[in-house]
C-alpha cells in the first residue's frame, strides 16, 4: 500500500560520476535497494507541476521562504493511459521539514478533479482527509494549471538498520513547459549533465555517522536544488534572451 503521508528532512547533493561510484560501494554496505528497484535497476518518475498563470508557487519557492508548498501529479509509468494509477500530491516545506500528502486516482479522475473539483469516492479515512487538504489548496489558489513537466530516473535505498533513512539518486532530469500531460512520453531539456546525479538524503532525524564520514571523505557538498525551480529559471532566462534578440532585430 502506498504511503499517504510522511514528515522528514530532505538534503540534496550534486554528484559527479566518480563520486557516485565511490559512494555507492559504501551505501551497499549499509543500505538495501528499494523494492521498486528490481534487481538493482532504476525506475522512472514522471510529474506534472501545477501553478497559477503568474507562476506564483514556483516564484515563491525560489525565494526560499520559511514556508512553501506545491501541487504535483505523479506517475511511475510513461506514457500514462486515462485509467492508469497516478498520485496527486501536496508537498510542503516548513523550516526545513518536509511533509507530503498524496492520494491515488486514475489520470482521467485527476484531470477532472483539478479542472472541475469532481472527486473520486474513497473508503479510507486517510484518503478522505488528503482530499480535504487538496480541496483547501485548490480553493485557496483559485485557478491552477499544468505549468511544468519533469521526469527522471531514480535509484533508491533504505537503511538496513533504520528503514526510515532513505537515499535517492536521480539522473536524466528532463523538463518541458509544453505538452503538459502524463499521457505523453518523457522528452525535453536536461537539467544536469548526463554523468551527474542529484542525491537526496531523506531522514526523520540525524544523518548516520557512516554517511557523514563518506560525504566528507569524498568531498560531496550540500547544494540547494529544486527541479521545478531550476526548470522555471531556465525558462525565464530563455525568454529574456529571446526578447534581447528581438530588440536587436528591431533596432538593427
Protein backbone atom coordinates (compact mmCIF):
# COMPACT_ATOMS: atom_id res chain seq x y z
CA UNK A 1 0.00 0.00 0.00
CA UNK A 2 1.41 3.42 -0.98
CA UNK A 3 2.32 5.82 1.83
CA UNK A 4 -0.26 8.62 2.03
CA UNK A 5 1.56 10.94 4.45
CA UNK A 6 5.06 11.49 5.84
CA UNK A 7 7.30 14.07 7.52
CA UNK A 8 11.09 14.27 7.17
CA UNK A 9 14.18 16.34 6.35
CA UNK A 10 15.47 16.30 2.80
CA UNK A 11 19.08 17.25 2.00
CA UNK A 12 20.39 17.42 -1.58
CA UNK A 13 23.82 16.95 -3.14
CA UNK A 14 25.18 17.06 -6.71
CA UNK A 15 27.45 14.08 -7.50
CA UNK A 16 29.93 13.55 -10.30
CA UNK A 17 30.22 10.10 -11.87
CA UNK A 18 33.34 9.41 -9.78
CA UNK A 19 31.70 10.49 -6.52
CA UNK A 20 28.63 8.40 -7.26
CA UNK A 21 30.64 5.25 -7.98
CA UNK A 22 32.75 5.65 -4.83
CA UNK A 23 29.78 6.42 -2.58
CA UNK A 24 27.76 3.51 -3.92
CA UNK A 25 30.27 0.99 -2.57
CA UNK A 26 29.73 2.43 0.93
CA UNK A 27 25.95 2.66 0.51
CA UNK A 28 25.69 -1.03 -0.39
CA UNK A 29 27.30 -1.94 2.94
CA UNK A 30 24.67 -0.09 4.97
CA UNK A 31 21.54 0.07 2.81
CA UNK A 32 19.24 -2.11 0.68
CA UNK A 33 17.73 -1.21 -2.69
CA UNK A 34 14.15 -0.02 -2.60
CA UNK A 35 11.63 -2.78 -3.51
CA UNK A 36 10.78 -0.80 -6.65
CA UNK A 37 14.41 -1.10 -7.82
CA UNK A 38 14.00 -4.62 -9.13
CA UNK A 39 17.38 -6.35 -9.48
CA UNK A 40 19.05 -3.04 -8.60
CA UNK A 41 17.58 -1.23 -11.60
CA UNK A 42 16.33 2.36 -11.63
CA UNK A 43 12.69 3.30 -12.08
CA UNK A 44 11.08 6.28 -13.77
CA UNK A 45 9.19 9.10 -12.07
CA UNK A 46 7.03 11.41 -14.18
CA UNK A 47 5.47 14.62 -12.84
CA UNK A 48 3.20 17.48 -13.78
CA UNK A 49 3.51 20.57 -11.56
CA UNK A 50 0.53 22.87 -11.18
CA UNK A 51 0.82 26.61 -10.70
CA UNK A 52 -1.07 29.85 -11.16
CA UNK A 53 -0.97 31.69 -14.51
CA UNK A 54 1.57 34.03 -12.86
CA UNK A 55 3.76 31.13 -11.67
CA UNK A 56 3.21 32.20 -8.07
CA UNK A 57 4.15 28.90 -6.41
CA UNK A 58 7.49 28.41 -8.14
CA UNK A 59 8.45 32.08 -7.77
CA UNK A 60 7.80 31.89 -4.04
CA UNK A 61 9.78 28.65 -3.82
CA UNK A 62 12.82 30.23 -5.48
CA UNK A 63 12.85 32.93 -2.81
CA UNK A 64 13.47 30.16 -0.19
CA UNK A 65 10.79 31.22 2.30
CA UNK A 66 10.31 29.59 5.69
CA UNK A 67 7.10 28.01 4.34
CA UNK A 68 6.39 26.86 0.82
CA UNK A 69 4.12 24.36 -0.87
CA UNK A 70 3.44 22.83 -4.27
CA UNK A 71 0.95 20.61 -6.05
CA UNK A 72 2.00 17.90 -8.48
CA UNK A 73 0.66 14.86 -10.26
CA UNK A 74 2.98 11.85 -10.30
CA UNK A 75 3.09 8.65 -12.32
CA UNK A 76 5.53 5.75 -12.32
CA UNK A 77 4.66 4.83 -15.91
CA UNK A 78 5.16 6.71 -19.16
CA UNK A 79 3.13 7.39 -21.09
CA UNK A 80 0.15 7.06 -18.73
CA UNK A 81 -3.24 5.92 -20.02
CA UNK A 82 -6.52 7.53 -18.87
CA UNK A 83 -7.12 4.59 -16.49
CA UNK A 84 -3.51 4.46 -15.21
CA UNK A 85 -3.00 4.93 -11.48
CA UNK A 86 -1.38 8.26 -10.58
CA UNK A 87 -0.82 10.23 -7.37
CA UNK A 88 -1.98 13.77 -6.69
CA UNK A 89 0.32 15.27 -4.06
CA UNK A 90 0.56 18.34 -1.86
CA UNK A 91 4.13 18.83 -0.66
CA UNK A 92 5.04 21.42 1.96
CA UNK A 93 8.31 22.57 3.49
CA UNK A 94 8.23 24.33 6.82
CA UNK A 95 11.54 25.41 8.32
CA UNK A 96 13.43 22.60 6.60
CA UNK A 97 10.92 19.88 7.49
CA UNK A 98 9.10 18.33 4.53
CA UNK A 99 5.60 16.90 4.70
CA UNK A 100 3.74 15.23 1.87
CA UNK A 101 0.11 14.18 1.45
CA UNK A 102 -0.95 12.20 -1.56
CA UNK A 103 -3.84 10.15 -2.83
CA UNK A 104 -4.14 7.67 -5.68
CA UNK A 105 -6.60 8.05 -8.57
CA UNK A 106 -6.64 7.48 -12.31
CA UNK A 107 -5.17 10.04 -14.70
CA UNK A 108 -8.67 10.76 -16.01
CA UNK A 109 -10.01 11.30 -12.48
CA UNK A 110 -7.07 13.56 -11.60
CA UNK A 111 -7.60 15.79 -14.64
CA UNK A 112 -11.32 16.02 -13.90
CA UNK A 113 -10.75 16.84 -10.23
CA UNK A 114 -8.28 19.68 -10.82
CA UNK A 115 -10.46 21.20 -13.53
CA UNK A 116 -13.93 20.74 -12.03
CA UNK A 117 -13.38 19.59 -8.38
CA UNK A 118 -15.33 16.39 -9.11
CA UNK A 119 -13.53 13.83 -6.98
CA UNK A 120 -13.48 10.04 -6.72
CA UNK A 121 -15.04 8.22 -3.78
CA UNK A 122 -12.68 6.89 -1.11
CA UNK A 123 -13.42 4.48 1.70
CA UNK A 124 -10.25 5.03 3.71
CA UNK A 125 -10.40 7.87 6.20
CA UNK A 126 -6.83 8.99 5.42
CA UNK A 127 -7.67 9.32 1.71
CA UNK A 128 -10.71 11.47 2.52
CA UNK A 129 -8.50 13.62 4.75
CA UNK A 130 -5.99 14.12 1.95
CA UNK A 131 -8.78 15.07 -0.45
CA UNK A 132 -9.98 17.70 2.01
CA UNK A 133 -6.48 19.14 2.12
CA UNK A 134 -6.37 19.17 -1.69
CA UNK A 135 -9.71 20.98 -1.74
CA UNK A 136 -8.33 23.65 0.59
CA UNK A 137 -5.19 24.04 -1.54
CA UNK A 138 -7.12 24.42 -4.80
CA UNK A 139 -9.72 26.76 -3.32
CA UNK A 140 -7.02 28.99 -1.82
CA UNK A 141 -5.04 29.44 -5.05
CA UNK A 142 -8.02 29.52 -7.39
CA UNK A 143 -7.11 28.77 -10.99
CA UNK A 144 -4.26 26.28 -11.16
CA UNK A 145 -2.94 24.94 -14.43
CA UNK A 146 -0.36 22.37 -15.52
CA UNK A 147 2.78 24.50 -15.87
CA UNK A 148 5.77 22.15 -15.87
CA UNK A 149 6.63 18.58 -16.82
CA UNK A 150 9.59 16.95 -15.07
CA UNK A 151 10.75 13.33 -15.20
CA UNK A 152 13.83 11.46 -14.04
CA UNK A 153 15.32 8.04 -13.47
CA UNK A 154 15.76 7.11 -9.80
CA UNK A 155 17.72 4.57 -7.78
CA UNK A 156 16.51 4.41 -4.17
CA UNK A 157 17.81 2.79 -1.00
CA UNK A 158 16.72 2.40 2.62
CA UNK A 159 18.83 1.72 5.70
CA UNK A 160 19.41 -1.86 6.85
CA UNK A 161 19.31 -0.78 10.50
CA UNK A 162 16.94 2.17 10.04
CA UNK A 163 14.37 1.72 7.23
CA UNK A 164 13.23 5.34 7.66
CA UNK A 165 16.63 6.53 6.45
CA UNK A 166 16.27 6.78 2.66
CA UNK A 167 18.62 7.75 -0.11
CA UNK A 168 17.79 8.52 -3.73
CA UNK A 169 19.94 9.14 -6.81
CA UNK A 170 18.24 10.95 -9.70
CA UNK A 171 19.63 11.31 -13.20
CA UNK A 172 18.35 12.21 -16.66
CA UNK A 173 16.24 15.01 -15.17
CA UNK A 174 14.05 16.06 -18.10
CA UNK A 175 11.88 19.18 -18.22
CA UNK A 176 9.48 20.88 -20.61
CA UNK A 177 6.84 23.61 -20.43
CA UNK A 178 4.72 22.30 -23.32
CA UNK A 179 2.76 19.08 -23.90
CA UNK A 180 1.89 19.23 -20.21
CA UNK A 181 0.34 15.83 -19.69
CA UNK A 182 1.48 12.48 -18.35
CA UNK A 183 -0.18 10.88 -21.37
CA UNK A 184 2.86 11.84 -23.47
CA UNK A 185 6.31 10.28 -23.25
CA UNK A 186 9.27 11.84 -21.50
CA UNK A 187 11.23 14.39 -23.58
CA UNK A 188 12.58 17.90 -23.15
CA UNK A 189 15.70 19.69 -21.90
CA UNK A 190 18.15 18.13 -19.46
CA UNK A 191 18.69 19.95 -16.15
CA UNK A 192 22.00 18.30 -15.20
CA UNK A 193 24.89 16.75 -17.15
CA UNK A 194 24.49 13.14 -18.38
CA UNK A 195 27.01 11.73 -15.89
CA UNK A 196 25.76 13.72 -12.88
CA UNK A 197 23.23 12.69 -10.24
CA UNK A 198 21.19 14.58 -7.70
CA UNK A 199 21.45 12.67 -4.43
CA UNK A 200 18.82 13.29 -1.77
CA UNK A 201 19.06 12.16 1.83
CA UNK A 202 15.59 11.72 3.33
CA UNK A 203 15.68 11.22 7.09
CA UNK A 204 13.34 11.99 10.01
CA UNK A 205 16.26 12.65 12.37
CA UNK A 206 20.03 12.98 12.02
CA UNK A 207 22.21 11.66 9.18
CA UNK A 208 24.02 8.43 10.18
CA UNK A 209 27.68 8.80 11.13
CA UNK A 210 28.89 6.47 8.36
CA UNK A 211 27.16 8.63 5.75
CA UNK A 212 28.53 11.89 7.19
CA UNK A 213 32.03 10.39 7.10
CA UNK A 214 31.63 9.25 3.48
CA UNK A 215 30.38 12.68 2.39
CA UNK A 216 33.40 14.33 4.00
CA UNK A 217 35.95 11.91 2.56
CA UNK A 218 34.52 12.16 -0.97
CA UNK A 219 34.14 15.96 -0.71
CA UNK A 220 30.44 15.78 -1.50
CA UNK A 221 28.89 19.13 -0.65
CA UNK A 222 25.30 20.03 0.10
CA UNK A 223 23.51 22.14 -2.52
CA UNK A 224 20.22 23.94 -2.89
CA UNK A 225 18.45 22.45 -5.90
CA UNK A 226 14.81 22.40 -6.94
CA UNK A 227 13.91 20.54 -10.12
CA UNK A 228 10.86 22.74 -10.73
CA UNK A 229 12.71 25.91 -9.69
CA UNK A 230 15.68 25.16 -11.95
CA UNK A 231 13.42 24.40 -14.93
CA UNK A 232 11.50 27.64 -14.37
CA UNK A 233 14.66 29.75 -14.06
CA UNK A 234 15.98 28.23 -17.30
CA UNK A 235 12.67 29.15 -18.93
CA UNK A 236 12.89 32.76 -17.70
CA UNK A 237 16.47 33.09 -18.98
CA UNK A 238 15.46 31.79 -22.40
CA UNK A 239 12.62 34.31 -22.60
CA UNK A 240 14.99 37.12 -21.68
CA UNK A 241 17.48 36.03 -24.35
CA UNK A 242 14.74 35.80 -26.98
CA UNK A 243 13.49 39.28 -26.10
CA UNK A 244 17.04 40.61 -26.32
CA UNK A 245 17.47 39.11 -29.80
CA UNK A 246 14.11 40.55 -30.88
CA UNK A 247 15.20 44.04 -29.78
CA UNK A 248 18.44 43.66 -31.74
CA UNK A 249 16.46 42.86 -34.88
CA UNK A 250 14.05 45.78 -34.35
CA UNK A 251 16.83 48.35 -33.87
CA UNK A 252 19.21 46.87 -36.45
